[in-house]
């Protein structure tokens, strides 16, 4: 449960950084370095989240569930046709 909370928190942080960059762009104009710093921070957080998700998967903390596309897993593959 704490991993899901942490992931949602990081995603909200990414969205907040993107909004902050937009605010800096609109307020300061094109000559501001604050916009670039906010976007760089967002990219860094996104990359860190990606690697943390990979690490969590490798450590067995996170388990992908896949998509259920309506295929019944109890049926043998020859009967699915």
C-alpha atoms as a PDB file:
ATOM      1  CA  UNK A   1       0.000   0.000   0.000  1.00  0.00           C
ATOM      2  CA  UNK A   2       2.855   2.377   0.744  1.00  0.00           C
ATOM      3  CA  UNK A   3       4.363   1.780  -2.697  1.00  0.00           C
ATOM      4  CA  UNK A   4       1.120   2.772  -4.423  1.00  0.00           C
ATOM      5  CA  UNK A   5       0.909   5.883  -2.271  1.00  0.00           C
ATOM      6  CA  UNK A   6       4.501   6.776  -3.096  1.00  0.00           C
ATOM      7  CA  UNK A   7       3.901   6.301  -6.825  1.00  0.00           C
ATOM      8  CA  UNK A   8       0.789   8.497  -6.758  1.00  0.00           C
ATOM      9  CA  UNK A   9       2.674  11.142  -4.766  1.00  0.00           C
ATOM     10  CA  UNK A  10       5.506  11.205  -7.319  1.00  0.00           C
ATOM     11  CA  UNK A  11       3.010  11.445 -10.189  1.00  0.00           C
ATOM     12  CA  UNK A  12       1.324  14.398  -8.466  1.00  0.00           C
ATOM     13  CA  UNK A  13       4.743  15.977  -7.978  1.00  0.00           C
ATOM     14  CA  UNK A  14       5.422  15.604 -11.705  1.00  0.00           C
ATOM     15  CA  UNK A  15       2.104  17.258 -12.565  1.00  0.00           C
ATOM     16  CA  UNK A  16       2.758  20.064 -10.074  1.00  0.00           C
ATOM     17  CA  UNK A  17       6.187  20.687 -11.599  1.00  0.00           C
ATOM     18  CA  UNK A  18       4.640  20.865 -15.059  1.00  0.00           C
ATOM     19  CA  UNK A  19       2.049  23.369 -13.827  1.00  0.00           C
ATOM     20  CA  UNK A  20       4.750  25.423 -12.150  1.00  0.00           C
ATOM     21  CA  UNK A  21       6.723  25.521 -15.398  1.00  0.00           C
ATOM     22  CA  UNK A  22       3.618  26.764 -17.214  1.00  0.00           C
ATOM     23  CA  UNK A  23       3.128  29.449 -14.583  1.00  0.00           C
ATOM     24  CA  UNK A  24       6.736  30.590 -14.928  1.00  0.00           C
ATOM     25  CA  UNK A  25       6.407  30.646 -18.701  1.00  0.00           C
ATOM     26  CA  UNK A  26       3.290  32.801 -18.586  1.00  0.00           C
ATOM     27  CA  UNK A  27       4.561  35.183 -15.898  1.00  0.00           C
ATOM     28  CA  UNK A  28       8.211  35.629 -16.847  1.00  0.00           C
ATOM     29  CA  UNK A  29       8.051  35.304 -20.593  1.00  0.00           C
ATOM     30  CA  UNK A  30      10.625  33.589 -22.728  1.00  0.00           C
ATOM     31  CA  UNK A  31      13.713  34.921 -20.959  1.00  0.00           C
ATOM     32  CA  UNK A  32      13.205  33.043 -17.722  1.00  0.00           C
ATOM     33  CA  UNK A  33      15.447  30.186 -16.662  1.00  0.00           C
ATOM     34  CA  UNK A  34      12.916  29.123 -14.023  1.00  0.00           C
ATOM     35  CA  UNK A  35      10.790  27.449 -16.703  1.00  0.00           C
ATOM     36  CA  UNK A  36      13.723  25.394 -17.922  1.00  0.00           C
ATOM     37  CA  UNK A  37      14.670  24.428 -14.364  1.00  0.00           C
ATOM     38  CA  UNK A  38      11.104  23.313 -13.567  1.00  0.00           C
ATOM     39  CA  UNK A  39      10.922  21.215 -16.735  1.00  0.00           C
ATOM     40  CA  UNK A  40      14.356  19.726 -16.058  1.00  0.00           C
ATOM     41  CA  UNK A  41      13.211  18.829 -12.548  1.00  0.00           C
ATOM     42  CA  UNK A  42      10.104  17.156 -14.005  1.00  0.00           C
ATOM     43  CA  UNK A  43      12.176  15.096 -16.417  1.00  0.00           C
ATOM     44  CA  UNK A  44      14.511  14.047 -13.617  1.00  0.00           C
ATOM     45  CA  UNK A  45      11.586  12.957 -11.449  1.00  0.00           C
ATOM     46  CA  UNK A  46      10.051  11.030 -14.361  1.00  0.00           C
ATOM     47  CA  UNK A  47      13.282   9.162 -15.055  1.00  0.00           C
ATOM     48  CA  UNK A  48      13.758   8.431 -11.351  1.00  0.00           C
ATOM     49  CA  UNK A  49      10.183   7.093 -11.132  1.00  0.00           C
ATOM     50  CA  UNK A  50      10.773   4.865 -14.140  1.00  0.00           C
ATOM     51  CA  UNK A  51      13.911   3.350 -12.630  1.00  0.00           C
ATOM     52  CA  UNK A  52      12.243   2.948  -9.235  1.00  0.00           C
ATOM     53  CA  UNK A  53       9.382   1.075 -10.906  1.00  0.00           C
ATOM     54  CA  UNK A  54      11.880  -1.198 -12.640  1.00  0.00           C
ATOM     55  CA  UNK A  55      13.754  -1.742  -9.376  1.00  0.00           C
ATOM     56  CA  UNK A  56      10.499  -2.497  -7.544  1.00  0.00           C
ATOM     57  CA  UNK A  57       9.569  -5.044 -10.197  1.00  0.00           C
ATOM     58  CA  UNK A  58      12.987  -6.698 -10.040  1.00  0.00           C
ATOM     59  CA  UNK A  59      12.863  -6.805  -6.219  1.00  0.00           C
ATOM     60  CA  UNK A  60       9.404  -8.399  -6.285  1.00  0.00           C
ATOM     61  CA  UNK A  61       7.672  -5.480  -4.579  1.00  0.00           C
ATOM     62  CA  UNK A  62       5.607  -4.569  -7.639  1.00  0.00           C
ATOM     63  CA  UNK A  63       3.700  -7.158  -9.653  1.00  0.00           C
ATOM     64  CA  UNK A  64       2.302  -6.392 -13.105  1.00  0.00           C
ATOM     65  CA  UNK A  65      -1.225  -7.663 -13.564  1.00  0.00           C
ATOM     66  CA  UNK A  66      -1.614  -7.388 -17.330  1.00  0.00           C
ATOM     67  CA  UNK A  67      -4.827  -6.722 -19.173  1.00  0.00           C
ATOM     68  CA  UNK A  68      -7.684  -9.177 -19.195  1.00  0.00           C
ATOM     69  CA  UNK A  69      -8.721  -9.186 -22.831  1.00  0.00           C
ATOM     70  CA  UNK A  70     -11.667 -11.525 -22.347  1.00  0.00           C
ATOM     71  CA  UNK A  71      -9.642 -14.693 -22.784  1.00  0.00           C
ATOM     72  CA  UNK A  72     -10.572 -17.379 -20.313  1.00  0.00           C
ATOM     73  CA  UNK A  73      -7.361 -18.769 -18.865  1.00  0.00           C
ATOM     74  CA  UNK A  74      -9.000 -22.083 -17.978  1.00  0.00           C
ATOM     75  CA  UNK A  75      -9.476 -22.996 -21.635  1.00  0.00           C
ATOM     76  CA  UNK A  76      -6.689 -24.764 -23.483  1.00  0.00           C
ATOM     77  CA  UNK A  77      -5.226 -22.833 -26.413  1.00  0.00           C
ATOM     78  CA  UNK A  78      -6.829 -25.188 -29.001  1.00  0.00           C
ATOM     79  CA  UNK A  79     -10.334 -24.395 -27.733  1.00  0.00           C
ATOM     80  CA  UNK A  80      -9.931 -20.613 -27.948  1.00  0.00           C
ATOM     81  CA  UNK A  81     -10.533 -20.548 -31.706  1.00  0.00           C
END
